[in-house]
Every structure is written in structure tokens, then in C-alpha cells.
């Protein structure tokens, strides 16, 4: 019975860790969206052409890659949760 209790305790800890990771991922996604919108607004307001088109494209690419990475992280966390029966 002691082994079963240890297993249940470990599962509980893993559930909490997974839940914390999902909350952090969601928080990062929200923050990234805020930063992305602010950056897009700044780039739109750049009427003097102070930011080169190459720099603008580079920033857009970096934002897109970061969003993709966060999406992948979110899907991975959800998949791990389902795989381990932690839903």
C-alpha cells in the first residue's frame, strides 16, 4: 500500500507542475501578444522611416517564430497531460 501512496503523491506533484507550466505558458502567450501588438503599433507610427524595412521584416519573423514556439509548447503540455491521463 505504501508504494501506491507514493505513486499517488508523485502523480499529484506532476499534475501541479503541469498545471503551473500551462499557466505560465498561457501567461507568456498573453504577454507576447501584448508586446506584438505594441510593436506593430510602433512600426505603424514610424512615419519617418526610421526603422528599415529589413529590420521590420526581421522583427516580424522573430515574433512569428516565438509565437510558433509558444504554440508548440502549449500543444506539448496538453499532449503530455492527455498522455498521462492527467486531464
C-alpha atoms as a PDB file:
ATOM      1  CA  UNK A   1       0.000   0.000   0.000  1.00  0.00           C
ATOM      2  CA  UNK A   2       2.918   2.345   0.659  1.00  0.00           C
ATOM      3  CA  UNK A   3       4.037   2.062  -2.978  1.00  0.00           C
ATOM      4  CA  UNK A   4       0.570   3.053  -4.170  1.00  0.00           C
ATOM      5  CA  UNK A   5       0.512   6.077  -1.880  1.00  0.00           C
ATOM      6  CA  UNK A   6       3.920   7.198  -3.135  1.00  0.00           C
ATOM      7  CA  UNK A   7       2.703   6.795  -6.722  1.00  0.00           C
ATOM      8  CA  UNK A   8      -0.422   8.865  -5.975  1.00  0.00           C
ATOM      9  CA  UNK A   9       1.699  11.546  -4.294  1.00  0.00           C
ATOM     10  CA  UNK A  10       4.037  11.677  -7.300  1.00  0.00           C
ATOM     11  CA  UNK A  11       1.070  11.930  -9.668  1.00  0.00           C
ATOM     12  CA  UNK A  12      -0.315  14.805  -7.625  1.00  0.00           C
ATOM     13  CA  UNK A  13       3.005  16.615  -7.800  1.00  0.00           C
ATOM     14  CA  UNK A  14       3.196  16.053 -11.555  1.00  0.00           C
ATOM     15  CA  UNK A  15      -0.345  17.377 -12.001  1.00  0.00           C
ATOM     16  CA  UNK A  16       0.542  20.536 -10.084  1.00  0.00           C
ATOM     17  CA  UNK A  17       3.750  21.011 -12.074  1.00  0.00           C
ATOM     18  CA  UNK A  18       1.913  20.517 -15.348  1.00  0.00           C
ATOM     19  CA  UNK A  19      -0.820  22.911 -14.283  1.00  0.00           C
ATOM     20  CA  UNK A  20       1.773  25.516 -13.278  1.00  0.00           C
ATOM     21  CA  UNK A  21       3.563  25.074 -16.612  1.00  0.00           C
ATOM     22  CA  UNK A  22       0.309  25.512 -18.522  1.00  0.00           C
ATOM     23  CA  UNK A  23      -0.487  28.696 -16.586  1.00  0.00           C
ATOM     24  CA  UNK A  24       2.993  30.058 -17.292  1.00  0.00           C
ATOM     25  CA  UNK A  25       2.647  29.179 -20.968  1.00  0.00           C
ATOM     26  CA  UNK A  26      -0.716  30.954 -21.152  1.00  0.00           C
ATOM     27  CA  UNK A  27       0.774  33.964 -19.395  1.00  0.00           C
ATOM     28  CA  UNK A  28       3.688  34.035 -21.840  1.00  0.00           C
ATOM     29  CA  UNK A  29       1.284  33.809 -24.792  1.00  0.00           C
ATOM     30  CA  UNK A  30      -0.749  36.734 -23.462  1.00  0.00           C
ATOM     31  CA  UNK A  31       2.347  38.808 -22.817  1.00  0.00           C
ATOM     32  CA  UNK A  32       3.764  38.024 -26.248  1.00  0.00           C
ATOM     33  CA  UNK A  33       0.506  39.103 -27.848  1.00  0.00           C
ATOM     34  CA  UNK A  34       0.629  42.390 -25.921  1.00  0.00           C
ATOM     35  CA  UNK A  35       4.230  43.000 -26.985  1.00  0.00           C
ATOM     36  CA  UNK A  36       3.421  42.048 -30.561  1.00  0.00           C
ATOM     37  CA  UNK A  37       0.513  44.479 -30.735  1.00  0.00           C
ATOM     38  CA  UNK A  38       2.609  47.255 -29.195  1.00  0.00           C
ATOM     39  CA  UNK A  39       5.424  46.607 -31.650  1.00  0.00           C
ATOM     40  CA  UNK A  40       3.041  46.593 -34.599  1.00  0.00           C
ATOM     41  CA  UNK A  41       1.578  49.893 -33.399  1.00  0.00           C
ATOM     42  CA  UNK A  42       5.045  51.424 -33.059  1.00  0.00           C
ATOM     43  CA  UNK A  43       6.026  50.240 -36.507  1.00  0.00           C
ATOM     44  CA  UNK A  44       2.809  51.661 -37.915  1.00  0.00           C
ATOM     45  CA  UNK A  45       3.506  55.004 -36.219  1.00  0.00           C
ATOM     46  CA  UNK A  46       7.019  55.137 -37.699  1.00  0.00           C
ATOM     47  CA  UNK A  47       6.151  57.696 -40.340  1.00  0.00           C
ATOM     48  CA  UNK A  48       9.703  58.976 -40.806  1.00  0.00           C
ATOM     49  CA  UNK A  49      11.044  55.637 -41.959  1.00  0.00           C
ATOM     50  CA  UNK A  50      13.476  55.415 -39.037  1.00  0.00           C
ATOM     51  CA  UNK A  51      13.080  51.651 -38.944  1.00  0.00           C
ATOM     52  CA  UNK A  52      14.446  49.939 -42.042  1.00  0.00           C
ATOM     53  CA  UNK A  53      12.193  47.520 -43.912  1.00  0.00           C
ATOM     54  CA  UNK A  54      14.730  44.742 -43.305  1.00  0.00           C
ATOM     55  CA  UNK A  55      14.567  45.378 -39.563  1.00  0.00           C
ATOM     56  CA  UNK A  56      10.756  45.412 -39.641  1.00  0.00           C
ATOM     57  CA  UNK A  57      10.697  42.107 -41.525  1.00  0.00           C
ATOM     58  CA  UNK A  58      13.250  40.627 -39.134  1.00  0.00           C
ATOM     59  CA  UNK A  59      11.171  41.643 -36.121  1.00  0.00           C
ATOM     60  CA  UNK A  60       8.032  40.213 -37.682  1.00  0.00           C
ATOM     61  CA  UNK A  61       9.831  36.945 -38.396  1.00  0.00           C
ATOM     62  CA  UNK A  62      11.138  36.740 -34.829  1.00  0.00           C
ATOM     63  CA  UNK A  63       7.658  37.371 -33.439  1.00  0.00           C
ATOM     64  CA  UNK A  64       6.218  34.691 -35.693  1.00  0.00           C
ATOM     65  CA  UNK A  65       8.860  32.182 -34.642  1.00  0.00           C
ATOM     66  CA  UNK A  66       8.269  32.979 -30.972  1.00  0.00           C
ATOM     67  CA  UNK A  67       4.526  32.537 -31.391  1.00  0.00           C
ATOM     68  CA  UNK A  68       5.113  29.195 -33.108  1.00  0.00           C
ATOM     69  CA  UNK A  69       7.376  28.074 -30.281  1.00  0.00           C
ATOM     70  CA  UNK A  70       4.790  29.020 -27.671  1.00  0.00           C
ATOM     71  CA  UNK A  71       2.070  27.224 -29.627  1.00  0.00           C
ATOM     72  CA  UNK A  72       4.253  24.119 -29.795  1.00  0.00           C
ATOM     73  CA  UNK A  73       4.939  24.323 -26.062  1.00  0.00           C
ATOM     74  CA  UNK A  74       1.245  24.636 -25.337  1.00  0.00           C
ATOM     75  CA  UNK A  75       0.399  21.645 -27.541  1.00  0.00           C
ATOM     76  CA  UNK A  76       3.197  19.622 -25.981  1.00  0.00           C
ATOM     77  CA  UNK A  77       1.947  20.347 -22.476  1.00  0.00           C
ATOM     78  CA  UNK A  78      -1.614  19.453 -23.447  1.00  0.00           C
ATOM     79  CA  UNK A  79      -0.421  16.256 -25.119  1.00  0.00           C
ATOM     80  CA  UNK A  80       1.615  15.226 -22.085  1.00  0.00           C
ATOM     81  CA  UNK A  81      -1.375  15.845 -19.864  1.00  0.00           C
ATOM     82  CA  UNK A  82      -3.638  13.674 -22.024  1.00  0.00           C
ATOM     83  CA  UNK A  83      -0.973  11.018 -22.494  1.00  0.00           C
ATOM     84  CA  UNK A  84      -0.509  10.683 -18.744  1.00  0.00           C
ATOM     85  CA  UNK A  85      -4.231  10.713 -18.040  1.00  0.00           C
ATOM     86  CA  UNK A  86      -3.922  13.925 -16.066  1.00  0.00           C
ATOM     87  CA  UNK A  87      -6.980  15.632 -17.558  1.00  0.00           C
END
